[in-house]
């Protein structure tokens, strides 16, 4: 048991991630605000971006319009792409109101108890993070906080993976 815990801690990076680039993305069950339930593995064959967010997070609110404009609106009609926000530990009504307030149209999913978040990052770590997953289910990029340079790299990586410019 001790070695298992130590091994897990050793994998955590200085930004609180428990996963790293090159790892298979943990398979999670996603419950959208409309009640639809999917598994991350249902999206194999697509480029997937997970955005961990919450209404109380100021940096999330700052980043979301950029995700909407520079990623979602650009790629939403591409059948090889999927994006969804995973809202940390908030009830449905709060998440729906949050989407309206921020003006985002990409799908949001519920994460009661932050159990999905805890598969990717230390439960006590901050949010505002994006996980980019390739068509085989491997993690290709991890972002933390909103940094224009890092966000620009994320956009370019998505374009590359989808064969777009």
Protein backbone atom coordinates (compact mmCIF):
# COMPACT_ATOMS: atom_id res chain seq x y z
CA UNK A 1 0.00 0.00 0.00
CA UNK A 2 2.74 2.46 0.91
CA UNK A 3 4.57 1.93 -2.38
CA UNK A 4 1.32 2.40 -4.30
CA UNK A 5 0.65 5.73 -2.59
CA UNK A 6 4.24 6.85 -3.02
CA UNK A 7 4.12 5.92 -6.71
CA UNK A 8 0.97 7.96 -7.21
CA UNK A 9 2.46 10.98 -5.45
CA UNK A 10 5.62 10.72 -7.53
CA UNK A 11 3.51 11.04 -10.67
CA UNK A 12 1.95 14.30 -9.51
CA UNK A 13 3.65 17.24 -11.21
CA UNK A 14 4.26 20.68 -9.75
CA UNK A 15 0.92 21.82 -11.16
CA UNK A 16 -1.05 19.17 -9.27
CA UNK A 17 -1.62 16.73 -12.13
CA UNK A 18 -1.67 13.01 -11.36
CA UNK A 19 -1.50 12.18 -15.08
CA UNK A 20 1.18 13.15 -17.55
CA UNK A 21 1.56 13.59 -21.28
CA UNK A 22 1.73 10.17 -22.93
CA UNK A 23 -0.54 8.48 -20.34
CA UNK A 24 -3.84 6.95 -21.38
CA UNK A 25 -6.57 9.30 -20.19
CA UNK A 26 -8.50 7.80 -17.27
CA UNK A 27 -11.89 6.60 -18.52
CA UNK A 28 -14.57 8.66 -16.86
CA UNK A 29 -18.34 8.75 -17.00
CA UNK A 30 -19.62 12.10 -18.20
CA UNK A 31 -23.09 13.31 -17.21
CA UNK A 32 -24.04 16.31 -19.32
CA UNK A 33 -26.38 19.01 -18.03
CA UNK A 34 -29.12 17.61 -20.31
CA UNK A 35 -28.91 14.24 -18.50
CA UNK A 36 -27.06 12.38 -21.28
CA UNK A 37 -24.37 10.04 -19.97
CA UNK A 38 -21.28 9.01 -21.96
CA UNK A 39 -17.91 7.49 -21.19
CA UNK A 40 -14.71 9.13 -22.32
CA UNK A 41 -13.87 5.89 -24.15
CA UNK A 42 -16.99 6.47 -26.31
CA UNK A 43 -15.00 9.29 -27.94
CA UNK A 44 -12.11 7.11 -29.19
CA UNK A 45 -11.27 8.13 -32.73
CA UNK A 46 -11.83 11.81 -31.84
CA UNK A 47 -9.59 14.53 -30.51
CA UNK A 48 -11.05 15.38 -27.09
CA UNK A 49 -10.52 18.42 -24.87
CA UNK A 50 -11.62 18.32 -21.24
CA UNK A 51 -11.87 21.68 -19.51
CA UNK A 52 -12.05 21.51 -15.71
CA UNK A 53 -14.02 24.51 -14.46
CA UNK A 54 -16.38 25.93 -11.80
CA UNK A 55 -18.55 29.04 -11.49
CA UNK A 56 -16.61 30.33 -8.47
CA UNK A 57 -13.30 30.26 -10.40
CA UNK A 58 -12.34 33.71 -11.72
CA UNK A 59 -9.62 32.38 -14.03
CA UNK A 60 -12.12 29.88 -15.49
CA UNK A 61 -14.54 32.70 -16.26
CA UNK A 62 -11.70 34.59 -17.95
CA UNK A 63 -10.61 31.59 -20.07
CA UNK A 64 -14.01 30.24 -21.12
CA UNK A 65 -14.86 32.94 -23.72
CA UNK A 66 -11.50 32.17 -25.41
CA UNK A 67 -12.27 28.44 -25.42
CA UNK A 68 -15.68 29.25 -26.90
CA UNK A 69 -14.35 31.56 -29.62
CA UNK A 70 -10.95 30.08 -30.51
CA UNK A 71 -11.65 26.37 -30.08
CA UNK A 72 -15.34 25.45 -29.85
CA UNK A 73 -16.80 27.71 -32.55
CA UNK A 74 -13.92 26.83 -34.87
CA UNK A 75 -14.17 23.04 -34.48
CA UNK A 76 -17.68 22.23 -33.21
CA UNK A 77 -18.83 20.96 -36.63
CA UNK A 78 -15.80 18.70 -37.02
CA UNK A 79 -16.99 15.15 -36.28
CA UNK A 80 -13.42 14.23 -35.22
CA UNK A 81 -13.51 16.72 -32.30
CA UNK A 82 -15.19 16.78 -28.91
CA UNK A 83 -14.96 19.38 -26.15
CA UNK A 84 -16.71 19.56 -22.84
CA UNK A 85 -16.32 21.44 -19.63
CA UNK A 86 -16.31 19.37 -16.45
CA UNK A 87 -17.81 21.51 -13.69
CA UNK A 88 -16.29 20.72 -10.33
CA UNK A 89 -18.67 19.89 -7.51
CA UNK A 90 -21.63 22.16 -8.30
CA UNK A 91 -25.34 21.34 -8.69
CA UNK A 92 -27.06 21.24 -12.08
CA UNK A 93 -28.86 24.60 -11.65
CA UNK A 94 -25.56 26.37 -10.86
CA UNK A 95 -23.82 24.82 -13.88
CA UNK A 96 -26.65 25.76 -16.26
CA UNK A 97 -26.70 29.35 -14.93
CA UNK A 98 -22.89 29.48 -15.21
CA UNK A 99 -23.02 28.51 -18.91
CA UNK A 100 -25.61 31.23 -19.56
CA UNK A 101 -23.61 33.86 -17.67
CA UNK A 102 -20.36 33.09 -19.50
CA UNK A 103 -22.08 32.72 -22.87
CA UNK A 104 -20.47 29.36 -23.64
CA UNK A 105 -22.32 26.98 -25.91
CA UNK A 106 -20.01 23.99 -25.59
CA UNK A 107 -21.38 21.15 -23.47
CA UNK A 108 -20.82 21.14 -19.72
CA UNK A 109 -20.76 18.03 -17.58
CA UNK A 110 -21.33 17.57 -13.85
CA UNK A 111 -18.64 16.35 -11.46
CA UNK A 112 -20.33 15.88 -8.08
CA UNK A 113 -17.75 15.38 -5.36
CA UNK A 114 -14.94 16.26 -7.83
CA UNK A 115 -14.43 12.53 -8.45
CA UNK A 116 -13.69 13.01 -12.17
CA UNK A 117 -11.26 15.81 -11.36
CA UNK A 118 -9.52 13.54 -8.84
CA UNK A 119 -8.74 11.02 -11.60
CA UNK A 120 -6.64 13.69 -13.33
CA UNK A 121 -5.32 15.96 -10.58
CA UNK A 122 -4.85 16.08 -6.85
CA UNK A 123 -8.27 16.70 -5.33
CA UNK A 124 -6.88 19.73 -3.44
CA UNK A 125 -5.27 21.24 -6.56
CA UNK A 126 -6.83 24.24 -8.22
CA UNK A 127 -8.93 24.07 -11.34
CA UNK A 128 -8.75 25.99 -14.57
CA UNK A 129 -6.99 23.22 -16.43
CA UNK A 130 -7.40 21.63 -19.83
CA UNK A 131 -6.54 18.09 -20.88
CA UNK A 132 -6.07 17.39 -24.59
CA UNK A 133 -6.50 13.75 -25.62
CA UNK A 134 -5.64 12.23 -29.00
CA UNK A 135 -7.74 9.85 -31.07
CA UNK A 136 -6.20 6.80 -29.35
CA UNK A 137 -7.07 8.06 -25.85
CA UNK A 138 -3.59 9.31 -24.91
CA UNK A 139 -2.99 12.64 -23.20
CA UNK A 140 -1.03 14.97 -25.48
CA UNK A 141 -1.21 18.27 -23.56
CA UNK A 142 -2.01 19.52 -20.06
CA UNK A 143 -2.58 23.20 -19.27
CA UNK A 144 -2.99 24.99 -15.95
CA UNK A 145 -4.41 28.46 -15.31
CA UNK A 146 -4.89 30.82 -18.23
CA UNK A 147 -1.69 31.79 -19.96
CA UNK A 148 -1.96 33.32 -23.44
CA UNK A 149 1.13 31.52 -24.75
CA UNK A 150 0.06 28.15 -23.40
CA UNK A 151 -3.49 28.68 -24.68
CA UNK A 152 -2.16 29.58 -28.12
CA UNK A 153 -0.08 26.36 -28.09
CA UNK A 154 -3.22 24.41 -27.16
CA UNK A 155 -5.14 25.93 -30.09
CA UNK A 156 -2.28 25.15 -32.50
CA UNK A 157 -2.03 21.57 -31.22
CA UNK A 158 -5.78 21.02 -31.76
CA UNK A 159 -5.52 22.47 -35.28
CA UNK A 160 -2.56 20.17 -36.03
CA UNK A 161 -4.31 17.09 -34.68
CA UNK A 162 -7.39 17.84 -36.76
CA UNK A 163 -5.32 18.62 -39.84
CA UNK A 164 -6.60 22.21 -39.96
CA UNK A 165 -4.83 25.56 -40.05
